[in-house]
Amino acid sequence: VAKGEIAPTAAKHIARLAGEARLLLAWA
């Protein structure tokens, strides 16, 4: 997020998930 590779607005939706799902969605 800090590097600008994931938009903060996108991070808000990734953060809706829990556990490993957050990581997997971010990497995808």
PDB file of all heavy atoms in Angstrom:
ATOM      1  N   VAL A   1       0.855  -1.197   0.000  1.00  0.00           N
ATOM      2  CA  VAL A   1       0.000   0.000   0.000  1.00  0.00           C
ATOM      3  C   VAL A   1       0.886   1.240   0.000  1.00  0.00           C
ATOM      4  O   VAL A   1       0.685   2.174  -0.780  1.00  0.00           O
ATOM      5  CB  VAL A   1      -0.942   0.011   1.219  1.00  0.00           C
ATOM      6  CG1 VAL A   1      -1.762   1.307   1.239  1.00  0.00           C
ATOM      7  CG2 VAL A   1      -1.880  -1.196   1.183  1.00  0.00           C
ATOM      8  N   ALA A   2       1.897   1.244   0.860  1.00  0.00           N
ATOM      9  CA  ALA A   2       2.795   2.392   0.952  1.00  0.00           C
ATOM     10  C   ALA A   2       3.553   2.627  -0.343  1.00  0.00           C
ATOM     11  O   ALA A   2       3.831   3.768  -0.718  1.00  0.00           O
ATOM     12  CB  ALA A   2       3.782   2.191   2.104  1.00  0.00           C
ATOM     13  N   LYS A   3       3.885   1.546  -1.047  1.00  0.00           N
ATOM     14  CA  LYS A   3       4.628   1.656  -2.301  1.00  0.00           C
ATOM     15  C   LYS A   3       3.729   2.038  -3.468  1.00  0.00           C
ATOM     16  O   LYS A   3       4.222   2.267  -4.586  1.00  0.00           O
ATOM     17  CB  LYS A   3       5.341   0.339  -2.598  1.00  0.00           C
ATOM     18  CG  LYS A   3       6.462   0.020  -1.627  1.00  0.00           C
ATOM     19  CD  LYS A   3       6.936  -1.420  -1.743  1.00  0.00           C
ATOM     20  CE  LYS A   3       7.582  -1.699  -3.086  1.00  0.00           C
ATOM     21  NZ  LYS A   3       8.106  -3.090  -3.159  1.00  0.00           N
ATOM     22  N   GLY A   4       2.433   2.091  -3.239  1.00  0.00           N
ATOM     23  CA  GLY A   4       1.516   2.465  -4.303  1.00  0.00           C
ATOM     24  C   GLY A   4       1.121   1.316  -5.206  1.00  0.00           C
ATOM     25  O   GLY A   4       0.487   1.521  -6.247  1.00  0.00           O
ATOM     26  N   GLU A   5       1.472   0.099  -4.817  1.00  0.00           N
ATOM     27  CA  GLU A   5       1.153  -1.071  -5.647  1.00  0.00           C
ATOM     28  C   GLU A   5      -0.229  -1.632  -5.336  1.00  0.00           C
ATOM     29  O   GLU A   5      -0.800  -2.371  -6.138  1.00  0.00           O
ATOM     30  CB  GLU A   5       2.231  -2.136  -5.443  1.00  0.00           C
ATOM     31  CG  GLU A   5       3.598  -1.664  -5.936  1.00  0.00           C
ATOM     32  CD  GLU A   5       4.739  -2.546  -5.496  1.00  0.00           C
ATOM     33  OE1 GLU A   5       4.536  -3.403  -4.607  1.00  0.00           O
ATOM     34  OE2 GLU A   5       5.850  -2.379  -6.021  1.00  0.00           O
ATOM     35  N   ILE A   6      -0.753  -1.304  -4.167  1.00  0.00           N
ATOM     36  CA  ILE A   6      -2.139  -1.608  -3.810  1.00  0.00           C
ATOM     37  C   ILE A   6      -2.763  -0.288  -3.365  1.00  0.00           C
ATOM     38  O   ILE A   6      -2.277   0.345  -2.428  1.00  0.00           O
ATOM     39  CB  ILE A   6      -2.237  -2.644  -2.670  1.00  0.00           C
ATOM     40  CG1 ILE A   6      -1.706  -4.007  -3.115  1.00  0.00           C
ATOM     41  CG2 ILE A   6      -3.685  -2.782  -2.204  1.00  0.00           C
ATOM     42  CD1 ILE A   6      -1.734  -5.063  -2.027  1.00  0.00           C
ATOM     43  N   ALA A   7      -3.810   0.138  -4.040  1.00  0.00           N
ATOM     44  CA  ALA A   7      -4.447   1.407  -3.699  1.00  0.00           C
ATOM     45  C   ALA A   7      -5.097   1.325  -2.319  1.00  0.00           C
ATOM     46  O   ALA A   7      -5.634   0.276  -1.948  1.00  0.00           O
ATOM     47  CB  ALA A   7      -5.507   1.748  -4.743  1.00  0.00           C
ATOM     48  N   PRO A   8      -5.060   2.398  -1.541  1.00  0.00           N
ATOM     49  CA  PRO A   8      -5.716   2.385  -0.234  1.00  0.00           C
ATOM     50  C   PRO A   8      -7.186   1.996  -0.320  1.00  0.00           C
ATOM     51  O   PRO A   8      -7.700   1.303   0.557  1.00  0.00           O
ATOM     52  CB  PRO A   8      -5.536   3.833   0.248  1.00  0.00           C
ATOM     53  CG  PRO A   8      -4.276   4.282  -0.415  1.00  0.00           C
ATOM     54  CD  PRO A   8      -4.330   3.650  -1.788  1.00  0.00           C
ATOM     55  N   THR A   9      -7.862   2.446  -1.372  1.00  0.00           N
ATOM     56  CA  THR A   9      -9.274   2.086  -1.530  1.00  0.00           C
ATOM     57  C   THR A   9      -9.432   0.586  -1.767  1.00  0.00           C
ATOM     58  O   THR A   9     -10.432  -0.010  -1.360  1.00  0.00           O
ATOM     59  CB  THR A   9      -9.902   2.858  -2.703  1.00  0.00           C
ATOM     60  OG1 THR A   9      -9.044   2.753  -3.861  1.00  0.00           O
ATOM     61  CG2 THR A   9     -10.078   4.323  -2.356  1.00  0.00           C
ATOM     62  N   ALA A  10      -8.439  -0.033  -2.416  1.00  0.00           N
ATOM     63  CA  ALA A  10      -8.468  -1.482  -2.604  1.00  0.00           C
ATOM     64  C   ALA A  10      -8.151  -2.186  -1.292  1.00  0.00           C
ATOM     65  O   ALA A  10      -8.731  -3.231  -0.970  1.00  0.00           O
ATOM     66  CB  ALA A  10      -7.465  -1.898  -3.678  1.00  0.00           C
ATOM     67  N   ALA A  11      -7.232  -1.608  -0.510  1.00  0.00           N
ATOM     68  CA  ALA A  11      -6.856  -2.201   0.776  1.00  0.00           C
ATOM     69  C   ALA A  11      -8.055  -2.278   1.710  1.00  0.00           C
ATOM     70  O   ALA A  11      -8.159  -3.199   2.529  1.00  0.00           O
ATOM     71  CB  ALA A  11      -5.735  -1.387   1.416  1.00  0.00           C
ATOM     72  N   LYS A  12      -8.974  -1.312   1.604  1.00  0.00           N
ATOM     73  CA  LYS A  12     -10.169  -1.338   2.454  1.00  0.00           C
ATOM     74  C   LYS A  12     -10.983  -2.601   2.201  1.00  0.00           C
ATOM     75  O   LYS A  12     -11.554  -3.176   3.133  1.00  0.00           O
ATOM     76  CB  LYS A  12     -11.038  -0.108   2.186  1.00  0.00           C
ATOM     77  CG  LYS A  12     -10.498   1.180   2.770  1.00  0.00           C
ATOM     78  CD  LYS A  12     -11.564   2.266   2.791  1.00  0.00           C
ATOM     79  CE  LYS A  12     -12.044   2.613   1.395  1.00  0.00           C
ATOM     80  NZ  LYS A  12     -13.038   3.714   1.417  1.00  0.00           N
ATOM     81  N   HIS A  13     -11.042  -3.052   0.948  1.00  0.00           N
ATOM     82  CA  HIS A  13     -11.808  -4.258   0.629  1.00  0.00           C
ATOM     83  C   HIS A  13     -11.038  -5.518   1.011  1.00  0.00           C
ATOM     84  O   HIS A  13     -11.627  -6.500   1.471  1.00  0.00           O
ATOM     85  CB  HIS A  13     -12.151  -4.269  -0.861  1.00  0.00           C
ATOM     86  CG  HIS A  13     -13.066  -3.154  -1.264  1.00  0.00           C
ATOM     87  ND1 HIS A  13     -14.354  -3.052  -0.798  1.00  0.00           N
ATOM     88  CD2 HIS A  13     -12.869  -2.081  -2.073  1.00  0.00           C
ATOM     89  CE1 HIS A  13     -14.924  -1.962  -1.297  1.00  0.00           C
ATOM     90  NE2 HIS A  13     -14.045  -1.361  -2.070  1.00  0.00           N
ATOM     91  N   ILE A  14      -9.724  -5.500   0.836  1.00  0.00           N
ATOM     92  CA  ILE A  14      -8.909  -6.635   1.277  1.00  0.00           C
ATOM     93  C   ILE A  14      -9.065  -6.822   2.778  1.00  0.00           C
ATOM     94  O   ILE A  14      -9.149  -7.955   3.285  1.00  0.00           O
ATOM     95  CB  ILE A  14      -7.424  -6.399   0.907  1.00  0.00           C
ATOM     96  CG1 ILE A  14      -7.248  -6.413  -0.613  1.00  0.00           C
ATOM     97  CG2 ILE A  14      -6.522  -7.448   1.565  1.00  0.00           C
ATOM     98  CD1 ILE A  14      -5.856  -6.007  -1.078  1.00  0.00           C
ATOM     99  N   ALA A  15      -9.137  -5.708   3.504  1.00  0.00           N
ATOM    100  CA  ALA A  15      -9.253  -5.753   4.964  1.00  0.00           C
ATOM    101  C   ALA A  15     -10.600  -6.270   5.438  1.00  0.00           C
ATOM    102  O   ALA A  15     -10.767  -6.551   6.630  1.00  0.00           O
ATOM    103  CB  ALA A  15      -8.991  -4.366   5.546  1.00  0.00           C
ATOM    104  N   ARG A  16     -11.569  -6.401   4.532  1.00  0.00           N
ATOM    105  CA  ARG A  16     -12.865  -6.973   4.912  1.00  0.00           C
ATOM    106  C   ARG A  16     -12.752  -8.463   5.171  1.00  0.00           C
ATOM    107  O   ARG A  16     -13.627  -9.059   5.815  1.00  0.00           O
ATOM    108  CB  ARG A  16     -13.888  -6.723   3.796  1.00  0.00           C
ATOM    109  CG  ARG A  16     -14.293  -5.272   3.636  1.00  0.00           C
ATOM    110  CD  ARG A  16     -14.973  -5.038   2.298  1.00  0.00           C
ATOM    111  NE  ARG A  16     -16.085  -5.983   2.080  1.00  0.00           N
ATOM    112  CZ  ARG A  16     -16.614  -6.234   0.884  1.00  0.00           C
ATOM    113  NH1 ARG A  16     -16.140  -5.618  -0.196  1.00  0.00           N
ATOM    114  NH2 ARG A  16     -17.600  -7.097   0.771  1.00  0.00           N
ATOM    115  N   LEU A  17     -11.684  -9.071   4.674  1.00  0.00           N
ATOM    116  CA  LEU A  17     -11.488 -10.508   4.848  1.00  0.00           C
ATOM    117  C   LEU A  17     -10.630 -10.775   6.081  1.00  0.00           C
ATOM    118  O   LEU A  17      -9.980  -9.884   6.612  1.00  0.00           O
ATOM    119  CB  LEU A  17     -10.815 -11.105   3.608  1.00  0.00           C
ATOM    120  CG  LEU A  17     -11.559 -10.896   2.284  1.00  0.00           C
ATOM    121  CD1 LEU A  17     -10.827 -11.590   1.154  1.00  0.00           C
ATOM    122  CD2 LEU A  17     -13.003 -11.412   2.385  1.00  0.00           C
ATOM    123  N   ALA A  18     -10.635 -12.030   6.509  1.00  0.00           N
ATOM    124  CA  ALA A  18      -9.878 -12.400   7.700  1.00  0.00           C
ATOM    125  C   ALA A  18      -8.811 -13.440   7.357  1.00  0.00           C
ATOM    126  O   ALA A  18      -8.900 -14.136   6.345  1.00  0.00           O
ATOM    127  CB  ALA A  18     -10.827 -12.967   8.769  1.00  0.00           C
ATOM    128  N   GLY A  19      -7.804 -13.493   8.211  1.00  0.00           N
ATOM    129  CA  GLY A  19      -6.797 -14.539   8.106  1.00  0.00           C
ATOM    130  C   GLY A  19      -6.090 -14.622   6.767  1.00  0.00           C
ATOM    131  O   GLY A  19      -5.764 -13.608   6.142  1.00  0.00           O
ATOM    132  N   GLU A  20      -5.879 -15.843   6.312  1.00  0.00           N
ATOM    133  CA  GLU A  20      -5.118 -16.080   5.090  1.00  0.00           C
ATOM    134  C   GLU A  20      -5.792 -15.488   3.859  1.00  0.00           C
ATOM    135  O   GLU A  20      -5.110 -15.119   2.891  1.00  0.00           O
ATOM    136  CB  GLU A  20      -4.909 -17.580   4.893  1.00  0.00           C
ATOM    137  CG  GLU A  20      -3.993 -17.926   3.722  1.00  0.00           C
ATOM    138  CD  GLU A  20      -3.819 -19.414   3.536  1.00  0.00           C
ATOM    139  OE1 GLU A  20      -4.843 -20.123   3.378  1.00  0.00           O
ATOM    140  OE2 GLU A  20      -2.661 -19.884   3.538  1.00  0.00           O
ATOM    141  N   ALA A  21      -7.116 -15.393   3.872  1.00  0.00           N
ATOM    142  CA  ALA A  21      -7.837 -14.870   2.707  1.00  0.00           C
ATOM    143  C   ALA A  21      -7.383 -13.452   2.367  1.00  0.00           C
ATOM    144  O   ALA A  21      -7.310 -13.075   1.195  1.00  0.00           O
ATOM    145  CB  ALA A  21      -9.343 -14.894   2.962  1.00  0.00           C
ATOM    146  N   ARG A  22      -7.057 -12.651   3.389  1.00  0.00           N
ATOM    147  CA  ARG A  22      -6.571 -11.288   3.132  1.00  0.00           C
ATOM    148  C   ARG A  22      -5.270 -11.326   2.343  1.00  0.00           C
ATOM    149  O   ARG A  22      -5.082 -10.575   1.385  1.00  0.00           O
ATOM    150  CB  ARG A  22      -6.330 -10.555   4.454  1.00  0.00           C
ATOM    151  CG  ARG A  22      -7.567 -10.263   5.249  1.00  0.00           C
ATOM    152  CD  ARG A  22      -7.227  -9.565   6.546  1.00  0.00           C
ATOM    153  NE  ARG A  22      -6.343 -10.374   7.372  1.00  0.00           N
ATOM    154  CZ  ARG A  22      -5.854  -9.994   8.539  1.00  0.00           C
ATOM    155  NH1 ARG A  22      -6.138  -8.789   9.005  1.00  0.00           N
ATOM    156  NH2 ARG A  22      -5.084 -10.782   9.256  1.00  0.00           N
ATOM    157  N   LEU A  23      -4.373 -12.198   2.769  1.00  0.00           N
ATOM    158  CA  LEU A  23      -3.087 -12.307   2.085  1.00  0.00           C
ATOM    159  C   LEU A  23      -3.265 -12.800   0.655  1.00  0.00           C
ATOM    160  O   LEU A  23      -2.669 -12.257  -0.285  1.00  0.00           O
ATOM    161  CB  LEU A  23      -2.168 -13.264   2.859  1.00  0.00           C
ATOM    162  CG  LEU A  23      -1.714 -12.770   4.234  1.00  0.00           C
ATOM    163  CD1 LEU A  23      -1.107 -13.921   5.029  1.00  0.00           C
ATOM    164  CD2 LEU A  23      -0.704 -11.648   4.084  1.00  0.00           C
ATOM    165  N   LEU A  24      -4.084 -13.823   0.480  1.00  0.00           N
ATOM    166  CA  LEU A  24      -4.273 -14.391  -0.851  1.00  0.00           C
ATOM    167  C   LEU A  24      -4.903 -13.390  -1.810  1.00  0.00           C
ATOM    168  O   LEU A  24      -4.521 -13.317  -2.983  1.00  0.00           O
ATOM    169  CB  LEU A  24      -5.128 -15.663  -0.763  1.00  0.00           C
ATOM    170  CG  LEU A  24      -4.501 -16.826  -0.003  1.00  0.00           C
ATOM    171  CD1 LEU A  24      -5.463 -18.009   0.060  1.00  0.00           C
ATOM    172  CD2 LEU A  24      -3.185 -17.253  -0.665  1.00  0.00           C
ATOM    173  N   LEU A  25      -5.863 -12.606  -1.327  1.00  0.00           N
ATOM    174  CA  LEU A  25      -6.477 -11.597  -2.193  1.00  0.00           C
ATOM    175  C   LEU A  25      -5.469 -10.508  -2.536  1.00  0.00           C
ATOM    176  O   LEU A  25      -5.409 -10.034  -3.675  1.00  0.00           O
ATOM    177  CB  LEU A  25      -7.715 -11.002  -1.534  1.00  0.00           C
ATOM    178  CG  LEU A  25      -8.435  -9.900  -2.332  1.00  0.00           C
ATOM    179  CD1 LEU A  25      -8.730 -10.365  -3.757  1.00  0.00           C
ATOM    180  CD2 LEU A  25      -9.718  -9.472  -1.622  1.00  0.00           C
ATOM    181  N   ALA A  26      -4.658 -10.113  -1.571  1.00  0.00           N
ATOM    182  CA  ALA A  26      -3.637  -9.089  -1.831  1.00  0.00           C
ATOM    183  C   ALA A  26      -2.648  -9.563  -2.877  1.00  0.00           C
ATOM    184  O   ALA A  26      -2.291  -8.839  -3.806  1.00  0.00           O
ATOM    185  CB  ALA A  26      -2.901  -8.738  -0.537  1.00  0.00           C
ATOM    186  N   TRP A  27      -2.185 -10.804  -2.750  1.00  0.00           N
ATOM    187  CA  TRP A  27      -1.206 -11.329  -3.716  1.00  0.00           C
ATOM    188  C   TRP A  27      -1.834 -11.484  -5.093  1.00  0.00           C
ATOM    189  O   TRP A  27      -1.188 -11.214  -6.105  1.00  0.00           O
ATOM    190  CB  TRP A  27      -0.638 -12.662  -3.249  1.00  0.00           C
ATOM    191  CG  TRP A  27      -0.083 -12.686  -1.848  1.00  0.00           C
ATOM    192  CD1 TRP A  27       0.007 -13.771  -1.028  1.00  0.00           C
ATOM    193  CD2 TRP A  27       0.484 -11.595  -1.101  1.00  0.00           C
ATOM    194  NE1 TRP A  27       0.571 -13.425   0.164  1.00  0.00           N
ATOM    195  CE2 TRP A  27       0.884 -12.099   0.159  1.00  0.00           C
ATOM    196  CE3 TRP A  27       0.681 -10.238  -1.369  1.00  0.00           C
ATOM    197  CZ2 TRP A  27       1.458 -11.298   1.136  1.00  0.00           C
ATOM    198  CZ3 TRP A  27       1.257  -9.430  -0.392  1.00  0.00           C
ATOM    199  CH2 TRP A  27       1.642  -9.957   0.831  1.00  0.00           C
ATOM    200  N   ALA A  28      -3.082 -11.923  -5.127  1.00  0.00           N
ATOM    201  CA  ALA A  28      -3.765 -12.048  -6.420  1.00  0.00           C
ATOM    202  C   ALA A  28      -3.945 -10.680  -7.066  1.00  0.00           C
ATOM    203  O   ALA A  28      -3.829 -10.531  -8.287  1.00  0.00           O
ATOM    204  CB  ALA A  28      -5.119 -12.728  -6.234  1.00  0.00           C
TER     205      ALA A  28
END
